[in-house]
Amino acid sequence: MTVEQRSFEPGIDVLIRKVDSHLAAVRTGLSGPELELAERLAAVLRELVVSTTQASAADRGQVRAAVHYFVLRREIRGRLLPVRSLAAVERMVNKVAVQLGRPDLLVEPRRECPTREPVTPNADLTVG
């Protein structure tokens, strides 16, 4: 068995472990598009954590806040607890990615839509 050595700083390793452990926890309660969105959010957060290791403290702080926002997402447990949806996490992660100049990491939810035939203009129509 090969063990992969990671050369992350302690704070970075902690953030990645938080993302990974939260993703493992939500895998038991989510399925389908929600689970796919959570997995994409986790992948983007991991990439942001790693890519900002040499960035300014402000940039690293934004990434840390996004990680905590993802990890502290609340599930529906009655009417008294606030609910933070994955869509809200998605908006925050996308905002951080844009602010850090990483539009390549934008997360877009996969919507279940039926595929449509491309619309072609009808050449027989006359406008008068």
C-alpha atoms as a PDB file:
ATOM      1  CA  MET A   1       0.000   0.000   0.000  1.00  0.00           C
ATOM      2  CA  THR A   2       1.399   3.346  -1.034  1.00  0.00           C
ATOM      3  CA  VAL A   3       0.910   6.314   1.257  1.00  0.00           C
ATOM      4  CA  GLU A   4       0.798   9.692  -0.424  1.00  0.00           C
ATOM      5  CA  GLN A   5       2.734  12.387   1.385  1.00  0.00           C
ATOM      6  CA  ARG A   6       1.116  15.797   1.420  1.00  0.00           C
ATOM      7  CA  SER A   7       3.210  18.874   2.005  1.00  0.00           C
ATOM      8  CA  PHE A   8       0.422  21.175   3.172  1.00  0.00           C
ATOM      9  CA  GLU A   9       0.799  23.660   5.948  1.00  0.00           C
ATOM     10  CA  PRO A  10      -1.109  22.698   9.111  1.00  0.00           C
ATOM     11  CA  GLY A  11      -3.942  25.225   8.540  1.00  0.00           C
ATOM     12  CA  ILE A  12      -4.436  24.082   4.969  1.00  0.00           C
ATOM     13  CA  ASP A  13      -4.568  20.437   5.936  1.00  0.00           C
ATOM     14  CA  VAL A  14      -7.180  21.246   8.587  1.00  0.00           C
ATOM     15  CA  LEU A  15      -9.393  23.047   6.069  1.00  0.00           C
ATOM     16  CA  ILE A  16      -9.192  20.203   3.565  1.00  0.00           C
ATOM     17  CA  ARG A  17      -9.973  17.655   6.288  1.00  0.00           C
ATOM     18  CA  LYS A  18     -13.009  19.732   7.322  1.00  0.00           C
ATOM     19  CA  VAL A  19     -14.290  19.758   3.740  1.00  0.00           C
ATOM     20  CA  ASP A  20     -13.668  16.027   3.317  1.00  0.00           C
ATOM     21  CA  SER A  21     -15.260  15.031   6.617  1.00  0.00           C
ATOM     22  CA  HIS A  22     -18.330  17.193   5.984  1.00  0.00           C
ATOM     23  CA  LEU A  23     -18.708  15.726   2.510  1.00  0.00           C
ATOM     24  CA  ALA A  24     -18.505  12.225   3.974  1.00  0.00           C
ATOM     25  CA  ALA A  25     -21.240  13.147   6.454  1.00  0.00           C
ATOM     26  CA  VAL A  26     -23.604  14.612   3.860  1.00  0.00           C
ATOM     27  CA  ARG A  27     -23.166  11.636   1.541  1.00  0.00           C
ATOM     28  CA  THR A  28     -25.413   9.650   3.879  1.00  0.00           C
ATOM     29  CA  GLY A  29     -28.266  12.141   3.637  1.00  0.00           C
ATOM     30  CA  LEU A  30     -28.044  13.499   0.108  1.00  0.00           C
ATOM     31  CA  SER A  31     -28.544  11.869  -3.248  1.00  0.00           C
ATOM     32  CA  GLY A  32     -28.839  12.738  -6.902  1.00  0.00           C
ATOM     33  CA  PRO A  33     -28.254  16.351  -7.971  1.00  0.00           C
ATOM     34  CA  GLU A  34     -27.827  17.576  -4.383  1.00  0.00           C
ATOM     35  CA  LEU A  35     -25.019  15.114  -3.749  1.00  0.00           C
ATOM     36  CA  GLU A  36     -23.363  15.994  -7.062  1.00  0.00           C
ATOM     37  CA  LEU A  37     -23.520  19.691  -6.148  1.00  0.00           C
ATOM     38  CA  ALA A  38     -22.021  19.019  -2.706  1.00  0.00           C
ATOM     39  CA  GLU A  39     -19.187  17.022  -4.291  1.00  0.00           C
ATOM     40  CA  ARG A  40     -18.463  19.777  -6.835  1.00  0.00           C
ATOM     41  CA  LEU A  41     -18.496  22.403  -4.078  1.00  0.00           C
ATOM     42  CA  ALA A  42     -16.054  20.317  -2.047  1.00  0.00           C
ATOM     43  CA  ALA A  43     -13.724  19.915  -5.031  1.00  0.00           C
ATOM     44  CA  VAL A  44     -13.724  23.664  -5.699  1.00  0.00           C
ATOM     45  CA  LEU A  45     -13.100  24.442  -2.045  1.00  0.00           C
ATOM     46  CA  ARG A  46     -10.153  22.027  -1.945  1.00  0.00           C
ATOM     47  CA  GLU A  47      -8.689  23.691  -5.039  1.00  0.00           C
ATOM     48  CA  LEU A  48      -9.171  27.164  -3.570  1.00  0.00           C
ATOM     49  CA  VAL A  49      -7.489  26.121  -0.327  1.00  0.00           C
ATOM     50  CA  VAL A  50      -4.481  24.716  -2.160  1.00  0.00           C
ATOM     51  CA  SER A  51      -4.224  27.555  -4.680  1.00  0.00           C
ATOM     52  CA  THR A  52      -4.209  30.265  -2.006  1.00  0.00           C
ATOM     53  CA  THR A  53      -1.382  28.882   0.117  1.00  0.00           C
ATOM     54  CA  GLN A  54       0.900  31.730  -0.972  1.00  0.00           C
ATOM     55  CA  ALA A  55      -1.862  34.345  -1.285  1.00  0.00           C
ATOM     56  CA  SER A  56      -2.530  37.288   1.002  1.00  0.00           C
ATOM     57  CA  ALA A  57      -4.092  36.809   4.401  1.00  0.00           C
ATOM     58  CA  ALA A  58      -7.289  38.443   3.120  1.00  0.00           C
ATOM     59  CA  ASP A  59      -7.582  35.945   0.260  1.00  0.00           C
ATOM     60  CA  ARG A  60      -6.899  33.006   2.544  1.00  0.00           C
ATOM     61  CA  GLY A  61      -9.501  34.407   4.946  1.00  0.00           C
ATOM     62  CA  GLN A  62     -12.121  34.445   2.193  1.00  0.00           C
ATOM     63  CA  VAL A  63     -11.401  30.812   1.393  1.00  0.00           C
ATOM     64  CA  ARG A  64     -11.484  29.880   5.084  1.00  0.00           C
ATOM     65  CA  ALA A  65     -14.872  31.604   5.425  1.00  0.00           C
ATOM     66  CA  ALA A  66     -16.217  29.717   2.395  1.00  0.00           C
ATOM     67  CA  VAL A  67     -15.025  26.412   3.859  1.00  0.00           C
ATOM     68  CA  HIS A  68     -16.690  27.165   7.186  1.00  0.00           C
ATOM     69  CA  TYR A  69     -19.876  28.231   5.413  1.00  0.00           C
ATOM     70  CA  PHE A  70     -19.937  24.856   3.617  1.00  0.00           C
ATOM     71  CA  VAL A  71     -19.082  22.841   6.723  1.00  0.00           C
ATOM     72  CA  LEU A  72     -21.556  24.602   8.975  1.00  0.00           C
ATOM     73  CA  ARG A  73     -24.466  24.135   6.576  1.00  0.00           C
ATOM     74  CA  ARG A  74     -27.512  23.171   8.573  1.00  0.00           C
ATOM     75  CA  GLU A  75     -29.923  20.454   7.628  1.00  0.00           C
ATOM     76  CA  ILE A  76     -33.676  20.798   8.070  1.00  0.00           C
ATOM     77  CA  ARG A  77     -34.471  19.772  11.651  1.00  0.00           C
ATOM     78  CA  GLY A  78     -37.782  21.378  12.396  1.00  0.00           C
ATOM     79  CA  ARG A  79     -39.006  24.922  12.129  1.00  0.00           C
ATOM     80  CA  LEU A  80     -36.736  26.513  14.716  1.00  0.00           C
ATOM     81  CA  LEU A  81     -33.344  25.953  13.115  1.00  0.00           C
ATOM     82  CA  PRO A  82     -32.264  28.088  10.171  1.00  0.00           C
ATOM     83  CA  VAL A  83     -31.555  26.232   6.955  1.00  0.00           C
ATOM     84  CA  ARG A  84     -28.583  27.060   4.779  1.00  0.00           C
ATOM     85  CA  SER A  85     -29.103  25.458   1.410  1.00  0.00           C
ATOM     86  CA  LEU A  86     -26.453  24.167  -0.924  1.00  0.00           C
ATOM     87  CA  ALA A  87     -27.558  26.904  -3.324  1.00  0.00           C
ATOM     88  CA  ALA A  88     -26.488  29.519  -0.759  1.00  0.00           C
ATOM     89  CA  VAL A  89     -23.136  27.765  -0.355  1.00  0.00           C
ATOM     90  CA  GLU A  90     -22.814  27.657  -4.129  1.00  0.00           C
ATOM     91  CA  ARG A  91     -23.379  31.423  -4.372  1.00  0.00           C
ATOM     92  CA  MET A  92     -20.751  32.097  -1.713  1.00  0.00           C
ATOM     93  CA  VAL A  93     -18.164  29.753  -3.234  1.00  0.00           C
ATOM     94  CA  ASN A  94     -18.733  31.283  -6.674  1.00  0.00           C
ATOM     95  CA  LYS A  95     -18.375  34.788  -5.239  1.00  0.00           C
ATOM     96  CA  VAL A  96     -15.058  33.870  -3.612  1.00  0.00           C
ATOM     97  CA  ALA A  97     -13.807  32.185  -6.792  1.00  0.00           C
ATOM     98  CA  VAL A  98     -14.571  35.310  -8.840  1.00  0.00           C
ATOM     99  CA  GLN A  99     -13.006  37.630  -6.256  1.00  0.00           C
ATOM    100  CA  LEU A 100      -9.847  35.528  -6.293  1.00  0.00           C
ATOM    101  CA  GLY A 101      -9.647  35.633 -10.081  1.00  0.00           C
ATOM    102  CA  ARG A 102     -10.583  31.980 -10.549  1.00  0.00           C
ATOM    103  CA  PRO A 103     -13.689  32.016 -12.764  1.00  0.00           C
ATOM    104  CA  ASP A 104     -12.591  28.594 -14.004  1.00  0.00           C
ATOM    105  CA  LEU A 105     -13.751  27.213 -10.657  1.00  0.00           C
ATOM    106  CA  LEU A 106     -17.334  28.487 -10.822  1.00  0.00           C
ATOM    107  CA  VAL A 107     -19.822  25.855  -9.724  1.00  0.00           C
ATOM    108  CA  GLU A 108     -22.997  25.627 -11.718  1.00  0.00           C
ATOM    109  CA  PRO A 109     -25.724  23.249 -10.631  1.00  0.00           C
ATOM    110  CA  ARG A 110     -26.708  20.549 -13.038  1.00  0.00           C
ATOM    111  CA  ARG A 111     -30.379  20.980 -13.652  1.00  0.00           C
ATOM    112  CA  GLU A 112     -32.432  17.998 -14.714  1.00  0.00           C
ATOM    113  CA  CYS A 113     -33.935  19.294 -17.956  1.00  0.00           C
ATOM    114  CA  PRO A 114     -35.176  17.363 -20.934  1.00  0.00           C
ATOM    115  CA  THR A 115     -33.043  17.954 -23.987  1.00  0.00           C
ATOM    116  CA  ARG A 116     -34.716  19.936 -26.692  1.00  0.00           C
ATOM    117  CA  GLU A 117     -34.302  19.905 -30.422  1.00  0.00           C
ATOM    118  CA  PRO A 118     -32.462  22.959 -31.714  1.00  0.00           C
ATOM    119  CA  VAL A 119     -34.809  25.591 -33.043  1.00  0.00           C
ATOM    120  CA  THR A 120     -34.252  26.386 -36.705  1.00  0.00           C
ATOM    121  CA  PRO A 121     -35.919  29.358 -38.327  1.00  0.00           C
ATOM    122  CA  ASN A 122     -38.610  28.530 -40.843  1.00  0.00           C
ATOM    123  CA  ALA A 123     -37.657  29.944 -44.254  1.00  0.00           C
ATOM    124  CA  ASP A 124     -41.298  29.981 -45.410  1.00  0.00           C
ATOM    125  CA  LEU A 125     -42.340  32.708 -42.981  1.00  0.00           C
ATOM    126  CA  THR A 126     -42.890  36.148 -44.438  1.00  0.00           C
ATOM    127  CA  VAL A 127     -43.076  39.285 -42.385  1.00  0.00           C
ATOM    128  CA  GLY A 128     -45.382  41.893 -43.794  1.00  0.00           C
END
